[in-house]
Amino acid sequence: MESGNPGDYHATDFILGNIHKTRNVQDYVDYVQKTSFDPPGLMFLYTAENVLAIDGVMSQSGIQITYEDAKGLPITVIFDDPSDSLTFARAASPSRLPDWDALPDYPF
């Protein structure tokens, strides 16, 4: 459950994407970079009706964060740490998507 407490947030399972609401994007980037024990090396911004498919592909040269290429949907890199080995790419949208309505409800 969202509590607003950074400690609760950081204790959750690792995921490659998060959804946040903020009044000022740069203030949010600055906050995350200053307060995180291990701040993200890449941060993105996009607005869409549905969350885009994302993956992290590991190689010997680093990790490539790959978003689906939703035609006409801009994805803005709002932070990129030049000293890390993270890169960004787009790939074709998945050919099959899960039927989320068929999944059971979980009591969160």
N, C-alpha and C. Protein backbone atom coordinates (compact mmCIF):
# COMPACT_ATOMS: atom_id res chain seq x y z
N MET A 1 0.84 -1.18 0.00
CA MET A 1 0.00 0.00 0.00
C MET A 1 0.89 1.25 0.00
N GLU A 2 0.52 2.24 -0.77
CA GLU A 2 1.28 3.49 -0.85
C GLU A 2 1.10 4.28 0.44
N SER A 3 2.22 4.58 1.10
CA SER A 3 2.16 5.33 2.35
C SER A 3 2.79 6.71 2.24
N GLY A 4 3.56 6.95 1.16
CA GLY A 4 4.29 8.20 1.05
C GLY A 4 5.64 8.15 1.75
N ASN A 5 5.93 7.06 2.44
CA ASN A 5 7.18 6.90 3.17
C ASN A 5 8.21 6.25 2.24
N PRO A 6 9.34 6.94 1.97
CA PRO A 6 10.34 6.35 1.07
C PRO A 6 10.84 4.98 1.54
N GLY A 7 10.92 4.76 2.85
CA GLY A 7 11.36 3.47 3.36
C GLY A 7 10.42 2.35 2.96
N ASP A 8 9.12 2.61 3.01
CA ASP A 8 8.14 1.60 2.58
C ASP A 8 8.27 1.33 1.08
N TYR A 9 8.46 2.39 0.34
CA TYR A 9 8.59 2.27 -1.11
C TYR A 9 9.81 1.43 -1.48
N HIS A 10 10.94 1.69 -0.86
CA HIS A 10 12.17 0.98 -1.20
C HIS A 10 12.17 -0.47 -0.71
N ALA A 11 11.28 -0.80 0.21
CA ALA A 11 11.19 -2.17 0.72
C ALA A 11 10.36 -3.07 -0.18
N THR A 12 9.74 -2.51 -1.22
CA THR A 12 8.91 -3.31 -2.11
C THR A 12 9.77 -4.07 -3.11
N ASP A 13 9.12 -4.95 -3.84
CA ASP A 13 9.82 -5.74 -4.85
C ASP A 13 10.39 -4.84 -5.94
N PHE A 14 11.52 -5.24 -6.51
CA PHE A 14 12.14 -4.51 -7.61
C PHE A 14 11.29 -4.62 -8.86
N ILE A 15 11.03 -3.49 -9.48
CA ILE A 15 10.36 -3.47 -10.77
C ILE A 15 11.08 -2.48 -11.66
N LEU A 16 10.94 -2.64 -12.96
CA LEU A 16 11.64 -1.77 -13.89
C LEU A 16 10.92 -0.46 -14.15
N GLY A 17 9.69 -0.33 -13.77
CA GLY A 17 8.96 0.89 -14.03
C GLY A 17 8.08 1.28 -12.86
N ASN A 18 7.90 2.55 -12.69
CA ASN A 18 7.06 3.08 -11.63
C ASN A 18 6.18 4.17 -12.21
N ILE A 19 5.06 4.39 -11.58
CA ILE A 19 4.17 5.49 -11.98
C ILE A 19 4.11 6.47 -10.82
N HIS A 20 4.41 7.72 -11.11
CA HIS A 20 4.40 8.75 -10.09
C HIS A 20 3.68 9.98 -10.61
N LYS A 21 3.11 10.74 -9.70
CA LYS A 21 2.47 12.00 -10.04
C LYS A 21 3.23 13.10 -9.32
N THR A 22 3.59 14.15 -10.05
CA THR A 22 4.36 15.24 -9.46
C THR A 22 3.96 16.55 -10.10
N ARG A 23 4.17 17.63 -9.38
CA ARG A 23 3.88 18.95 -9.95
C ARG A 23 5.02 19.44 -10.84
N ASN A 24 6.25 19.03 -10.54
CA ASN A 24 7.40 19.50 -11.29
C ASN A 24 8.35 18.33 -11.51
N VAL A 25 8.55 17.96 -12.76
CA VAL A 25 9.35 16.79 -13.09
C VAL A 25 10.79 16.94 -12.60
N GLN A 26 11.41 18.08 -12.83
CA GLN A 26 12.80 18.25 -12.43
C GLN A 26 12.97 18.18 -10.91
N ASP A 27 12.01 18.74 -10.16
CA ASP A 27 12.06 18.63 -8.70
C ASP A 27 11.99 17.16 -8.27
N TYR A 28 11.16 16.38 -8.95
CA TYR A 28 11.05 14.97 -8.62
C TYR A 28 12.35 14.23 -8.92
N VAL A 29 12.93 14.49 -10.09
CA VAL A 29 14.21 13.87 -10.45
C VAL A 29 15.27 14.22 -9.40
N ASP A 30 15.35 15.49 -9.03
CA ASP A 30 16.33 15.92 -8.04
C ASP A 30 16.10 15.22 -6.70
N TYR A 31 14.82 15.10 -6.28
CA TYR A 31 14.48 14.44 -5.02
C TYR A 31 14.94 12.98 -5.03
N VAL A 32 14.61 12.27 -6.11
CA VAL A 32 14.98 10.85 -6.20
C VAL A 32 16.50 10.69 -6.18
N GLN A 33 17.20 11.51 -6.93
CA GLN A 33 18.66 11.39 -7.01
C GLN A 33 19.32 11.71 -5.67
N LYS A 34 18.76 12.63 -4.90
CA LYS A 34 19.36 13.04 -3.62
C LYS A 34 19.01 12.10 -2.48
N THR A 35 17.82 11.49 -2.51
CA THR A 35 17.36 10.73 -1.35
C THR A 35 17.47 9.22 -1.49
N SER A 36 17.68 8.72 -2.69
CA SER A 36 17.74 7.27 -2.89
C SER A 36 19.11 6.72 -2.51
N PHE A 37 19.10 5.58 -1.86
CA PHE A 37 20.36 4.91 -1.52
C PHE A 37 21.08 4.49 -2.80
N ASP A 38 20.30 4.01 -3.77
CA ASP A 38 20.84 3.59 -5.05
C ASP A 38 19.95 4.19 -6.14
N PRO A 39 20.14 5.48 -6.44
CA PRO A 39 19.22 6.15 -7.37
C PRO A 39 19.28 5.57 -8.78
N PRO A 40 18.15 5.62 -9.49
CA PRO A 40 18.14 5.09 -10.84
C PRO A 40 19.05 5.88 -11.77
N GLY A 41 19.71 5.17 -12.66
CA GLY A 41 20.60 5.82 -13.61
C GLY A 41 19.88 6.35 -14.83
N LEU A 42 18.67 5.85 -15.08
CA LEU A 42 17.84 6.33 -16.18
C LEU A 42 16.43 6.54 -15.65
N MET A 43 15.86 7.68 -15.99
CA MET A 43 14.47 7.97 -15.62
C MET A 43 13.77 8.48 -16.87
N PHE A 44 12.52 8.04 -17.05
CA PHE A 44 11.76 8.35 -18.26
C PHE A 44 10.43 9.00 -17.91
N LEU A 45 9.91 9.72 -18.88
CA LEU A 45 8.60 10.35 -18.75
C LEU A 45 7.82 10.10 -20.03
N TYR A 46 6.59 9.60 -19.87
CA TYR A 46 5.66 9.52 -20.99
C TYR A 46 4.25 9.52 -20.44
N THR A 47 3.31 9.91 -21.28
CA THR A 47 1.91 9.93 -20.90
C THR A 47 1.15 9.05 -21.88
N ALA A 48 0.46 8.05 -21.34
CA ALA A 48 -0.27 7.11 -22.18
C ALA A 48 -1.46 6.55 -21.42
N GLU A 49 -2.42 6.04 -22.16
CA GLU A 49 -3.59 5.43 -21.54
C GLU A 49 -3.21 4.15 -20.81
N ASN A 50 -2.26 3.41 -21.37
CA ASN A 50 -1.81 2.15 -20.78
C ASN A 50 -0.30 2.20 -20.58
N VAL A 51 0.18 1.43 -19.63
CA VAL A 51 1.61 1.36 -19.37
C VAL A 51 2.28 0.62 -20.52
N LEU A 52 3.39 1.15 -20.98
CA LEU A 52 4.12 0.51 -22.07
C LEU A 52 4.88 -0.72 -21.57
N ALA A 53 5.03 -1.69 -22.47
CA ALA A 53 5.86 -2.85 -22.15
C ALA A 53 7.30 -2.38 -22.00
N ILE A 54 7.99 -2.93 -21.00
CA ILE A 54 9.38 -2.54 -20.72
C ILE A 54 10.16 -3.78 -20.33
N ASP A 55 11.45 -3.75 -20.63
CA ASP A 55 12.31 -4.85 -20.24
C ASP A 55 13.71 -4.32 -20.02
N GLY A 56 14.48 -5.01 -19.24
CA GLY A 56 15.89 -4.70 -19.05
C GLY A 56 16.70 -5.86 -19.60
N VAL A 57 17.46 -5.61 -20.64
CA VAL A 57 18.23 -6.66 -21.30
C VAL A 57 19.68 -6.53 -20.89
N MET A 58 20.19 -7.55 -20.19
CA MET A 58 21.57 -7.52 -19.71
C MET A 58 22.53 -8.05 -20.78
N SER A 59 23.69 -7.42 -20.84
CA SER A 59 24.77 -7.90 -21.69
C SER A 59 26.07 -7.60 -20.97
N GLN A 60 27.19 -7.98 -21.56
CA GLN A 60 28.47 -7.71 -20.92
C GLN A 60 28.79 -6.23 -20.88
N SER A 61 28.16 -5.45 -21.77
CA SER A 61 28.43 -4.01 -21.79
C SER A 61 27.49 -3.21 -20.90
N GLY A 62 26.49 -3.85 -20.29
CA GLY A 62 25.58 -3.15 -19.39
C GLY A 62 24.16 -3.62 -19.55
N ILE A 63 23.23 -2.76 -19.21
CA ILE A 63 21.81 -3.08 -19.28
C ILE A 63 21.14 -2.10 -20.24
N GLN A 64 20.38 -2.65 -21.16
CA GLN A 64 19.62 -1.82 -22.09
C GLN A 64 18.17 -1.82 -21.65
N ILE A 65 17.65 -0.65 -21.28
CA ILE A 65 16.25 -0.52 -20.93
C ILE A 65 15.48 -0.36 -22.24
N THR A 66 14.56 -1.27 -22.50
CA THR A 66 13.86 -1.30 -23.78
C THR A 66 12.37 -1.12 -23.56
N TYR A 67 11.83 -0.07 -24.16
CA TYR A 67 10.39 0.17 -24.16
C TYR A 67 9.82 -0.24 -25.50
N GLU A 68 8.54 -0.63 -25.48
CA GLU A 68 7.89 -0.91 -26.75
C GLU A 68 7.77 0.38 -27.56
N ASP A 69 7.83 0.25 -28.85
CA ASP A 69 7.75 1.39 -29.75
C ASP A 69 6.29 1.68 -30.08
N ALA A 70 5.63 2.41 -29.20
CA ALA A 70 4.23 2.80 -29.42
C ALA A 70 4.27 4.00 -30.37
N LYS A 71 3.88 3.78 -31.58
CA LYS A 71 3.98 4.81 -32.62
C LYS A 71 3.31 6.11 -32.17
N GLY A 72 4.04 7.22 -32.33
CA GLY A 72 3.48 8.53 -32.01
C GLY A 72 3.51 8.89 -30.53
N LEU A 73 4.03 8.00 -29.69
CA LEU A 73 4.09 8.27 -28.25
C LEU A 73 5.51 8.65 -27.87
N PRO A 74 5.74 9.90 -27.55
CA PRO A 74 7.11 10.28 -27.16
C PRO A 74 7.47 9.77 -25.77
N ILE A 75 8.69 9.29 -25.65
CA ILE A 75 9.26 8.91 -24.36
C ILE A 75 10.45 9.84 -24.16
N THR A 76 10.44 10.57 -23.06
CA THR A 76 11.49 11.53 -22.76
C THR A 76 12.40 10.98 -21.67
N VAL A 77 13.69 10.98 -21.92
CA VAL A 77 14.65 10.64 -20.87
C VAL A 77 14.80 11.89 -20.01
N ILE A 78 14.38 11.80 -18.73
CA ILE A 78 14.45 12.96 -17.85
C ILE A 78 15.68 12.94 -16.96
N PHE A 79 16.37 11.80 -16.91
CA PHE A 79 17.65 11.72 -16.20
C PHE A 79 18.45 10.58 -16.80
N ASP A 80 19.71 10.83 -17.06
CA ASP A 80 20.62 9.80 -17.57
C ASP A 80 21.98 10.03 -16.93
N ASP A 81 22.39 9.10 -16.09
CA ASP A 81 23.70 9.18 -15.43
C ASP A 81 24.76 8.74 -16.45
N PRO A 82 25.61 9.66 -16.88
CA PRO A 82 26.60 9.31 -17.91
C PRO A 82 27.68 8.34 -17.42
N SER A 83 27.77 8.14 -16.11
CA SER A 83 28.83 7.27 -15.60
C SER A 83 28.41 5.81 -15.46
N ASP A 84 27.15 5.49 -15.80
CA ASP A 84 26.72 4.09 -15.66
C ASP A 84 26.71 3.39 -17.02
N SER A 85 26.29 2.15 -17.02
CA SER A 85 26.27 1.36 -18.26
C SER A 85 24.84 1.07 -18.72
N LEU A 86 23.92 1.98 -18.40
CA LEU A 86 22.54 1.83 -18.84
C LEU A 86 22.34 2.55 -20.16
N THR A 87 21.61 1.91 -21.07
CA THR A 87 21.26 2.54 -22.33
C THR A 87 19.76 2.39 -22.54
N PHE A 88 19.23 3.09 -23.53
CA PHE A 88 17.81 3.10 -23.81
C PHE A 88 17.58 2.74 -25.28
N ALA A 89 16.55 1.92 -25.51
CA ALA A 89 16.19 1.55 -26.87
C ALA A 89 14.69 1.31 -26.94
N ARG A 90 14.21 1.23 -28.17
CA ARG A 90 12.81 0.88 -28.42
C ARG A 90 12.79 -0.41 -29.24
N ALA A 91 11.74 -1.19 -29.05
CA ALA A 91 11.57 -2.42 -29.81
C ALA A 91 10.11 -2.54 -30.22
N ALA A 92 9.84 -3.41 -31.16
CA ALA A 92 8.46 -3.62 -31.60
C ALA A 92 7.59 -4.00 -30.41
N SER A 93 6.33 -3.58 -30.47
CA SER A 93 5.39 -3.94 -29.41
C SER A 93 5.23 -5.44 -29.33
N PRO A 94 4.90 -5.98 -28.15
CA PRO A 94 4.71 -7.43 -28.03
C PRO A 94 3.61 -7.91 -28.99
N SER A 95 3.79 -9.09 -29.53
CA SER A 95 2.79 -9.64 -30.45
C SER A 95 1.60 -10.21 -29.70
N ARG A 96 1.81 -10.59 -28.44
CA ARG A 96 0.71 -11.10 -27.62
C ARG A 96 0.76 -10.40 -26.27
N LEU A 97 -0.41 -10.07 -25.76
CA LEU A 97 -0.52 -9.44 -24.45
C LEU A 97 -1.38 -10.31 -23.55
N PRO A 98 -1.14 -10.28 -22.24
CA PRO A 98 -1.96 -11.08 -21.33
C PRO A 98 -3.40 -10.56 -21.31
N ASP A 99 -4.33 -11.44 -21.02
CA ASP A 99 -5.72 -11.06 -20.83
C ASP A 99 -5.88 -10.74 -19.35
N TRP A 100 -5.66 -9.47 -19.01
CA TRP A 100 -5.66 -9.07 -17.60
C TRP A 100 -7.02 -9.30 -16.95
N ASP A 101 -8.09 -9.24 -17.70
CA ASP A 101 -9.42 -9.46 -17.13
C ASP A 101 -9.64 -10.90 -16.70
N ALA A 102 -8.85 -11.82 -17.27
CA ALA A 102 -8.99 -13.24 -16.93
C ALA A 102 -8.23 -13.61 -15.67
N LEU A 103 -7.38 -12.73 -15.17
CA LEU A 103 -6.61 -13.03 -13.97
C LEU A 103 -7.48 -12.89 -12.74
N PRO A 104 -7.21 -13.69 -11.69
CA PRO A 104 -8.02 -13.59 -10.46
C PRO A 104 -7.71 -12.27 -9.73
N ASP A 105 -8.68 -11.81 -8.97
CA ASP A 105 -8.47 -10.63 -8.13
C ASP A 105 -7.66 -11.04 -6.91
N TYR A 106 -6.72 -10.16 -6.53
CA TYR A 106 -5.90 -10.41 -5.35
C TYR A 106 -6.26 -9.39 -4.28
N PRO A 107 -6.37 -9.81 -3.03
CA PRO A 107 -6.72 -8.87 -1.95
C PRO A 107 -5.51 -8.07 -1.50
N PHE A 108 -5.32 -6.91 -2.08
CA PHE A 108 -4.17 -6.08 -1.72
C PHE A 108 -4.50 -5.22 -0.55
